[in-house]
C-alpha atoms as a PDB file:
ATOM      1  CA  MET A   1     132.053 103.728 129.774  1.00  0.00           C
ATOM      2  CA  ASP A   2     134.123 106.725 129.556  1.00  0.00           C
ATOM      3  CA  ASP A   3     133.793 109.313 126.557  1.00  0.00           C
ATOM      4  CA  SER A   4     136.798 107.735 124.414  1.00  0.00           C
ATOM      5  CA  LYS A   5     135.605 104.194 124.699  1.00  0.00           C
ATOM      6  CA  SER A   6     131.816 105.542 123.600  1.00  0.00           C
ATOM      7  CA  LYS A   7     133.123 107.311 120.588  1.00  0.00           C
ATOM      8  CA  CYS A   8     135.181 104.232 119.718  1.00  0.00           C
ATOM      9  CA  LEU A   9     131.953 102.083 119.759  1.00  0.00           C
ATOM     10  CA  VAL A  10     130.026 104.583 117.977  1.00  0.00           C
ATOM     11  CA  PHE A  11     132.747 104.766 115.063  1.00  0.00           C
ATOM     12  CA  ILE A  12     132.776 100.943 114.844  1.00  0.00           C
ATOM     13  CA  VAL A  13     129.016 100.595 114.671  1.00  0.00           C
ATOM     14  CA  ALA A  14     128.772 103.477 112.068  1.00  0.00           C
ATOM     15  CA  SER A  15     131.624 101.459 109.894  1.00  0.00           C
ATOM     16  CA  ILE A  16     129.577  98.416 109.992  1.00  0.00           C
ATOM     17  CA  ILE A  17     126.184 100.176 109.151  1.00  0.00           C
ATOM     18  CA  ILE A  18     128.270 101.990 106.271  1.00  0.00           C
ATOM     19  CA  GLY A  19     130.025  98.639 105.022  1.00  0.00           C
ATOM     20  CA  LEU A  20     126.506  96.808 104.784  1.00  0.00           C
ATOM     21  CA  PHE A  21     125.153  99.675 102.991  1.00  0.00           C
ATOM     22  CA  ILE A  22     128.098  99.808 100.360  1.00  0.00           C
ATOM     23  CA  THR A  23     127.742  95.748  99.964  1.00  0.00           C
ATOM     24  CA  SER A  24     124.072  96.139  99.609  1.00  0.00           C
ATOM     25  CA  ALA A  25     124.260  99.095  96.904  1.00  0.00           C
ATOM     26  CA  ASN A  26     127.104  97.019  95.204  1.00  0.00           C
ATOM     27  CA  ALA A  27     125.217  94.022  94.825  1.00  0.00           C
ATOM     28  CA  ALA A  28     121.257  94.020  94.088  1.00  0.00           C
ATOM     29  CA  ASN A  29     118.837  91.281  93.889  1.00  0.00           C
ATOM     30  CA  TRP A  30     116.400  91.310  90.771  1.00  0.00           C
ATOM     31  CA  TYR A  31     113.324  88.978  90.094  1.00  0.00           C
ATOM     32  CA  VAL A  32     111.652  87.720  87.156  1.00  0.00           C
ATOM     33  CA  ASP A  33     107.908  86.092  87.397  1.00  0.00           C
ATOM     34  CA  LYS A  34     105.668  85.525  84.510  1.00  0.00           C
ATOM     35  CA  ASP A  35     102.595  85.841  87.150  1.00  0.00           C
ATOM     36  CA  ALA A  36     103.707  88.806  89.079  1.00  0.00           C
ATOM     37  CA  THR A  37     101.157  91.717  89.273  1.00  0.00           C
ATOM     38  CA  GLY A  38     102.697  94.445  91.055  1.00  0.00           C
ATOM     39  CA  SER A  39     104.844  97.295  89.485  1.00  0.00           C
ATOM     40  CA  ALA A  40     106.953  95.651  87.402  1.00  0.00           C
ATOM     41  CA  THR A  41     110.168  97.345  88.483  1.00  0.00           C
ATOM     42  CA  GLY A  42     111.996  94.057  89.224  1.00  0.00           C
ATOM     43  CA  THR A  43     112.735  94.693  92.950  1.00  0.00           C
ATOM     44  CA  SER A  44     110.914  92.168  94.774  1.00  0.00           C
ATOM     45  CA  TRP A  45     108.652  88.938  93.985  1.00  0.00           C
ATOM     46  CA  GLY A  46     105.730  91.125  94.174  1.00  0.00           C
ATOM     47  CA  ASN A  47     107.015  93.810  91.676  1.00  0.00           C
ATOM     48  CA  ALA A  48     108.962  91.462  89.536  1.00  0.00           C
ATOM     49  CA  TRP A  49     109.416  91.778  85.768  1.00  0.00           C
ATOM     50  CA  PRO A  50     106.545  89.883  84.387  1.00  0.00           C
ATOM     51  CA  SER A  51     109.030  88.415  81.588  1.00  0.00           C
ATOM     52  CA  ILE A  52     112.338  87.555  80.850  1.00  0.00           C
ATOM     53  CA  GLY A  53     112.376  90.009  77.909  1.00  0.00           C
ATOM     54  CA  ALA A  54     111.274  92.709  80.348  1.00  0.00           C
ATOM     55  CA  ILE A  55     114.460  92.729  82.355  1.00  0.00           C
ATOM     56  CA  VAL A  56     116.083  96.046  82.408  1.00  0.00           C
ATOM     57  CA  TRP A  57     119.630  95.544  81.704  1.00  0.00           C
ATOM     58  CA  SER A  58     120.510  98.936  82.304  1.00  0.00           C
ATOM     59  CA  SER A  59     119.782  98.839  85.689  1.00  0.00           C
ATOM     60  CA  VAL A  60     121.627  95.596  86.316  1.00  0.00           C
ATOM     61  CA  ASN A  61     125.367  95.766  87.581  1.00  0.00           C
ATOM     62  CA  GLY A  62     128.154  93.525  88.330  1.00  0.00           C
ATOM     63  CA  GLY A  63     127.575  91.588  91.486  1.00  0.00           C
ATOM     64  CA  ASP A  64     124.026  91.390  90.831  1.00  0.00           C
ATOM     65  CA  THR A  65     121.794  88.486  90.879  1.00  0.00           C
ATOM     66  CA  ILE A  66     118.683  87.957  88.624  1.00  0.00           C
ATOM     67  CA  PHE A  67     116.370  85.302  90.172  1.00  0.00           C
ATOM     68  CA  ILE A  68     113.727  83.874  87.731  1.00  0.00           C
ATOM     69  CA  SER A  69     110.612  82.345  89.265  1.00  0.00           C
ATOM     70  CA  GLY A  70     110.134  78.434  88.755  1.00  0.00           C
ATOM     71  CA  GLY A  71     106.867  78.655  90.909  1.00  0.00           C
ATOM     72  CA  SER A  72     106.351  75.670  93.476  1.00  0.00           C
ATOM     73  CA  GLU A  73     106.745  73.077  90.837  1.00  0.00           C
ATOM     74  CA  SER A  74     107.616  74.612  87.475  1.00  0.00           C
ATOM     75  CA  LYS A  75     107.099  77.564  84.971  1.00  0.00           C
ATOM     76  CA  THR A  76     107.422  77.988  81.570  1.00  0.00           C
ATOM     77  CA  TYR A  77     108.659  80.918  79.869  1.00  0.00           C
ATOM     78  CA  ASN A  78     107.935  81.093  76.085  1.00  0.00           C
ATOM     79  CA  GLU A  79     110.561  83.588  75.026  1.00  0.00           C
ATOM     80  CA  LYS A  80     114.462  83.730  74.377  1.00  0.00           C
ATOM     81  CA  LEU A  81     116.504  84.779  77.357  1.00  0.00           C
ATOM     82  CA  ILE A  82     119.437  87.116  75.493  1.00  0.00           C
ATOM     83  CA  VAL A  83     121.931  88.158  78.330  1.00  0.00           C
ATOM     84  CA  GLY A  84     122.342  91.957  77.911  1.00  0.00           C
ATOM     85  CA  LYS A  85     125.015  93.043  80.100  1.00  0.00           C
ATOM     86  CA  SER A  86     128.517  91.799  81.153  1.00  0.00           C
ATOM     87  CA  GLY A  87     129.566  91.518  84.782  1.00  0.00           C
ATOM     88  CA  THR A  88     133.105  92.781  85.746  1.00  0.00           C
ATOM     89  CA  PRO A  89     136.206  90.849  87.274  1.00  0.00           C
ATOM     90  CA  GLY A  90     135.264  89.921  90.765  1.00  0.00           C
ATOM     91  CA  LYS A  91     131.531  91.145  90.090  1.00  0.00           C
ATOM     92  CA  VAL A  92     129.658  88.273  88.170  1.00  0.00           C
ATOM     93  CA  ILE A  93     126.186  88.739  87.119  1.00  0.00           C
ATOM     94  CA  THR A  94     124.228  85.551  88.175  1.00  0.00           C
ATOM     95  CA  ILE A  95     121.063  84.529  86.447  1.00  0.00           C
ATOM     96  CA  SER A  96     119.246  81.785  88.671  1.00  0.00           C
ATOM     97  CA  THR A  97     116.587  79.740  89.359  1.00  0.00           C
ATOM     98  CA  GLY A  98     114.383  81.347  92.496  1.00  0.00           C
ATOM     99  CA  GLN A  99     115.873  80.602  95.925  1.00  0.00           C
ATOM    100  CA  ASP A 100     112.816  81.371  97.942  1.00  0.00           C
ATOM    101  CA  THR A 101     109.807  79.312  98.988  1.00  0.00           C
ATOM    102  CA  GLY A 102     107.240  79.291  96.172  1.00  0.00           C
ATOM    103  CA  HIS A 103     109.894  80.117  93.446  1.00  0.00           C
ATOM    104  CA  THR A 104     112.160  77.121  93.574  1.00  0.00           C
ATOM    105  CA  GLY A 105     110.452  75.073  90.923  1.00  0.00           C
ATOM    106  CA  ASN A 106     111.926  74.125  87.556  1.00  0.00           C
ATOM    107  CA  VAL A 107     112.301  77.170  85.213  1.00  0.00           C
ATOM    108  CA  ILE A 108     111.796  76.009  81.585  1.00  0.00           C
ATOM    109  CA  ILE A 109     112.885  78.314  79.184  1.00  0.00           C
ATOM    110  CA  SER A 110     111.229  76.808  75.965  1.00  0.00           C
ATOM    111  CA  GLY A 111     111.358  77.528  72.209  1.00  0.00           C
ATOM    112  CA  GLU A 112     107.937  76.414  71.908  1.00  0.00           C
ATOM    113  CA  SER A 113     108.407  73.389  69.579  1.00  0.00           C
ATOM    114  CA  TYR A 114     111.171  75.033  67.523  1.00  0.00           C
ATOM    115  CA  THR A 115     109.337  78.353  67.090  1.00  0.00           C
ATOM    116  CA  ARG A 116     112.404  80.034  68.067  1.00  0.00           C
ATOM    117  CA  ASP A 117     116.109  79.220  67.187  1.00  0.00           C
ATOM    118  CA  VAL A 118     117.798  79.601  70.646  1.00  0.00           C
ATOM    119  CA  CYS A 119     116.439  79.370  74.497  1.00  0.00           C
ATOM    120  CA  VAL A 120     119.404  81.158  75.842  1.00  0.00           C
ATOM    121  CA  GLN A 121     122.126  83.398  74.077  1.00  0.00           C
ATOM    122  CA  ILE A 122     125.070  84.869  75.551  1.00  0.00           C
ATOM    123  CA  SER A 123     126.837  86.875  73.000  1.00  0.00           C
ATOM    124  CA  GLY A 124     130.358  88.589  73.450  1.00  0.00           C
ATOM    125  CA  LYS A 125     129.805  88.807  77.213  1.00  0.00           C
ATOM    126  CA  SER A 126     131.912  87.954  80.096  1.00  0.00           C
ATOM    127  CA  TYR A 127     131.787  87.642  83.860  1.00  0.00           C
ATOM    128  CA  ILE A 128     128.400  85.700  83.754  1.00  0.00           C
ATOM    129  CA  LYS A 129     126.991  82.511  85.683  1.00  0.00           C
ATOM    130  CA  LEU A 130     123.990  80.889  84.679  1.00  0.00           C
ATOM    131  CA  SER A 131     122.766  78.383  87.479  1.00  0.00           C
ATOM    132  CA  GLY A 132     119.761  76.356  87.871  1.00  0.00           C
ATOM    133  CA  LYS A 133     120.920  75.137  91.261  1.00  0.00           C
ATOM    134  CA  VAL A 134     118.442  74.815  93.976  1.00  0.00           C
ATOM    135  CA  GLY A 135     119.934  72.520  96.628  1.00  0.00           C
ATOM    136  CA  ASN A 136     121.622  69.826  94.707  1.00  0.00           C
ATOM    137  CA  SER A 137     119.009  69.744  92.122  1.00  0.00           C
ATOM    138  CA  ARG A 138     118.852  71.061  88.426  1.00  0.00           C
ATOM    139  CA  LYS A 139     115.912  73.461  88.358  1.00  0.00           C
ATOM    140  CA  MET A 140     116.242  75.027  85.050  1.00  0.00           C
ATOM    141  CA  GLN A 141     115.615  73.525  81.410  1.00  0.00           C
ATOM    142  CA  LEU A 142     116.312  74.763  78.079  1.00  0.00           C
ATOM    143  CA  THR A 143     114.221  72.765  75.477  1.00  0.00           C
ATOM    144  CA  GLY A 144     112.419  73.035  72.152  1.00  0.00           C
ATOM    145  CA  ALA A 145     114.631  75.396  70.193  1.00  0.00           C
ATOM    146  CA  SER A 146     114.961  74.859  66.715  1.00  0.00           C
ATOM    147  CA  ALA A 147     118.786  75.543  66.322  1.00  0.00           C
ATOM    148  CA  THR A 148     120.387  75.092  70.006  1.00  0.00           C
ATOM    149  CA  GLY A 149     119.418  75.309  73.526  1.00  0.00           C
ATOM    150  CA  LEU A 150     122.240  77.319  74.776  1.00  0.00           C
ATOM    151  CA  ASP A 151     124.178  79.549  72.216  1.00  0.00           C
ATOM    152  CA  LEU A 152     127.694  80.796  73.582  1.00  0.00           C
ATOM    153  CA  ILE A 153     129.081  82.984  71.018  1.00  0.00           C
ATOM    154  CA  GLY A 154     131.369  86.257  70.082  1.00  0.00           C
ATOM    155  CA  ASN A 155     134.617  85.438  72.109  1.00  0.00           C
ATOM    156  CA  LEU A 156     133.023  85.173  75.549  1.00  0.00           C
ATOM    157  CA  SER A 157     135.313  84.664  78.633  1.00  0.00           C
ATOM    158  CA  ASP A 158     134.660  84.158  82.432  1.00  0.00           C
ATOM    159  CA  ILE A 159     131.428  82.248  81.903  1.00  0.00           C
ATOM    160  CA  GLU A 160     130.046  79.587  84.112  1.00  0.00           C
ATOM    161  CA  ILE A 161     127.173  77.411  83.501  1.00  0.00           C
ATOM    162  CA  GLU A 162     125.694  75.187  86.171  1.00  0.00           C
ATOM    163  CA  TYR A 163     122.728  72.697  86.887  1.00  0.00           C
ATOM    164  CA  LEU A 164     121.019  72.943  83.714  1.00  0.00           C
ATOM    165  CA  GLU A 165     118.946  70.257  81.808  1.00  0.00           C
ATOM    166  CA  ILE A 166     119.293  70.862  78.147  1.00  0.00           C
ATOM    167  CA  SER A 167     117.147  68.774  76.122  1.00  0.00           C
ATOM    168  CA  GLN A 168     115.299  68.032  72.638  1.00  0.00           C
ATOM    169  CA  ASN A 169     116.743  70.945  70.651  1.00  0.00           C
ATOM    170  CA  GLY A 170     117.430  71.243  67.183  1.00  0.00           C
ATOM    171  CA  ASN A 171     115.116  70.317  64.107  1.00  0.00           C
ATOM    172  CA  MET A 172     117.421  71.210  61.332  1.00  0.00           C
ATOM    173  CA  LYS A 173     120.827  70.602  59.951  1.00  0.00           C
ATOM    174  CA  ASP A 174     123.960  70.977  62.437  1.00  0.00           C
ATOM    175  CA  THR A 175     122.016  71.972  65.387  1.00  0.00           C
ATOM    176  CA  HIS A 176     123.126  71.110  69.066  1.00  0.00           C
ATOM    177  CA  GLY A 177     122.305  71.202  72.820  1.00  0.00           C
ATOM    178  CA  ILE A 178     125.048  73.733  73.017  1.00  0.00           C
ATOM    179  CA  THR A 179     127.059  75.476  70.579  1.00  0.00           C
ATOM    180  CA  GLY A 180     129.808  77.421  72.156  1.00  0.00           C
ATOM    181  CA  GLN A 181     132.854  79.714  71.330  1.00  0.00           C
ATOM    182  CA  ILE A 182     134.835  80.853  74.544  1.00  0.00           C
ATOM    183  CA  ILE A 183     138.358  82.291  74.642  1.00  0.00           C
ATOM    184  CA  TYR A 184     140.892  80.028  75.841  1.00  0.00           C
ATOM    185  CA  LYS A 185     142.275  80.552  79.213  1.00  0.00           C
ATOM    186  CA  SER A 186     145.054  78.268  80.745  1.00  0.00           C
ATOM    187  CA  ASN A 187     143.166  77.967  84.029  1.00  0.00           C
ATOM    188  CA  TYR A 188     139.871  77.305  82.675  1.00  0.00           C
ATOM    189  CA  ARG A 189     138.007  80.235  84.112  1.00  0.00           C
ATOM    190  CA  SER A 190     134.997  79.463  81.760  1.00  0.00           C
ATOM    191  CA  SER A 191     133.251  76.186  82.757  1.00  0.00           C
ATOM    192  CA  ILE A 192     130.037  73.977  82.200  1.00  0.00           C
ATOM    193  CA  HIS A 193     129.452  71.733  85.030  1.00  0.00           C
ATOM    194  CA  ASP A 194     126.639  69.352  86.475  1.00  0.00           C
ATOM    195  CA  CYS A 195     124.502  69.883  83.495  1.00  0.00           C
ATOM    196  CA  ASP A 196     122.471  66.975  81.881  1.00  0.00           C
ATOM    197  CA  ILE A 197     122.530  67.534  78.068  1.00  0.00           C
ATOM    198  CA  HIS A 198     120.814  64.804  76.392  1.00  0.00           C
ATOM    199  CA  ASP A 199     118.371  64.127  73.413  1.00  0.00           C
ATOM    200  CA  ASN A 200     119.149  66.995  71.203  1.00  0.00           C
ATOM    201  CA  ASP A 201     119.657  66.660  67.477  1.00  0.00           C
ATOM    202  CA  HIS A 202     123.467  65.922  66.221  1.00  0.00           C
ATOM    203  CA  PRO A 203     126.147  66.004  68.742  1.00  0.00           C
ATOM    204  CA  GLU A 204     124.980  67.444  71.994  1.00  0.00           C
ATOM    205  CA  VAL A 205     127.978  69.822  72.051  1.00  0.00           C
ATOM    206  CA  GLN A 206     129.887  71.832  69.585  1.00  0.00           C
ATOM    207  CA  TRP A 207     132.943  73.974  70.742  1.00  0.00           C
ATOM    208  CA  ILE A 208     134.750  76.701  68.832  1.00  0.00           C
ATOM    209  CA  ASP A 209     137.779  77.667  70.812  1.00  0.00           C
ATOM    210  CA  ALA A 210     137.551  75.776  74.261  1.00  0.00           C
ATOM    211  CA  CYS A 211     136.579  75.720  77.768  1.00  0.00           C
ATOM    212  CA  CYS A 212     136.281  73.341  80.566  1.00  0.00           C
ATOM    213  CA  LEU A 213     133.312  71.139  80.310  1.00  0.00           C
ATOM    214  CA  ARG A 214     132.381  68.610  83.059  1.00  0.00           C
ATOM    215  CA  HIS A 215     129.293  67.005  81.509  1.00  0.00           C
ATOM    216  CA  GLY A 216     126.508  65.047  83.322  1.00  0.00           C
ATOM    217  CA  GLU A 217     126.598  64.069  86.987  1.00  0.00           C
ATOM    218  CA  ASP A 218     130.425  64.516  87.121  1.00  0.00           C
ATOM    219  CA  GLN A 219     130.874  60.721  86.933  1.00  0.00           C
ATOM    220  CA  GLY A 220     133.713  58.916  85.197  1.00  0.00           C
ATOM    221  CA  ARG A 221     137.077  60.025  84.353  1.00  0.00           C
ATOM    222  CA  GLN A 222     137.983  63.495  83.219  1.00  0.00           C
ATOM    223  CA  HIS A 223     139.483  63.656  79.978  1.00  0.00           C
ATOM    224  CA  GLN A 224     141.252  66.631  78.327  1.00  0.00           C
ATOM    225  CA  GLU A 225     141.447  67.150  74.645  1.00  0.00           C
ATOM    226  CA  ASN A 226     141.791  70.434  72.716  1.00  0.00           C
ATOM    227  CA  GLY A 227     141.456  72.436  75.768  1.00  0.00           C
ATOM    228  CA  ILE A 228     138.198  70.939  76.886  1.00  0.00           C
ATOM    229  CA  GLY A 229     137.839  68.625  79.765  1.00  0.00           C
ATOM    230  CA  VAL A 230     134.851  66.112  79.550  1.00  0.00           C
ATOM    231  CA  ASP A 231     133.824  63.330  81.557  1.00  0.00           C
ATOM    232  CA  GLU A 232     134.947  59.921  80.100  1.00  0.00           C
ATOM    233  CA  THR A 233     131.274  58.860  79.645  1.00  0.00           C
ATOM    234  CA  ALA A 234     130.325  61.875  77.456  1.00  0.00           C
ATOM    235  CA  ARG A 235     133.143  61.985  75.047  1.00  0.00           C
ATOM    236  CA  ASP A 236     131.280  60.914  71.948  1.00  0.00           C
ATOM    237  CA  GLN A 237     128.802  63.614  72.775  1.00  0.00           C
ATOM    238  CA  VAL A 238     131.181  66.315  71.771  1.00  0.00           C
ATOM    239  CA  TYR A 239     133.447  67.456  69.026  1.00  0.00           C
ATOM    240  CA  HIS A 240     135.791  70.643  68.689  1.00  0.00           C
ATOM    241  CA  VAL A 241     136.307  72.892  65.724  1.00  0.00           C
ATOM    242  CA  ASP A 242     139.231  75.050  65.295  1.00  0.00           C
ATOM    243  CA  GLU A 243     138.890  78.325  63.457  1.00  0.00           C
END
């Protein structure tokens, strides 16, 4: 191989390595496991943050993924998840059930029999994805909150919620499975899909403003009303409030 070809090959290899380094630096994985006993830095399963409340949001950046362990079968987190940071355009912050062996069980975020008002709250944030998807299964459950399982408030945009079970929330007046306030955009960049929302007090979902909602198993016709897309089978579970 002549010198010019050798230099070219070295340049290509160096470019690939640098590209991989930049990609890695721009998109980190973080870990939460209530049974972890390591250094609690959040950088691996062994050193996972030991609770949802221990997440260091100042370390999380757009494009990062926070994995929450569901163990082999399930793990219950008796605390509230408050999303503490927005992503950026093209760099969504994803909060997901674990995808590695031993961590793909059901993540149960519990209000402990109505001790807490909300299981998950996303307030005034954008470019967030909350996912319980493992394969084609729902492996995240929000249950037992006194007010609402999932609270989406404060003029959110570019939010995606997928593969959650939201059930048995609400033991007071005007309580719901989901309360949502999402900025309307004509291309519906905010959406809720493939979720099972059932057995909550009062209507399952209350919307202020609008988003696209594809309820349940994605069965039935899609129906558009007030900027909300709802499966025909779920129309009586949803109402809209203009403010």
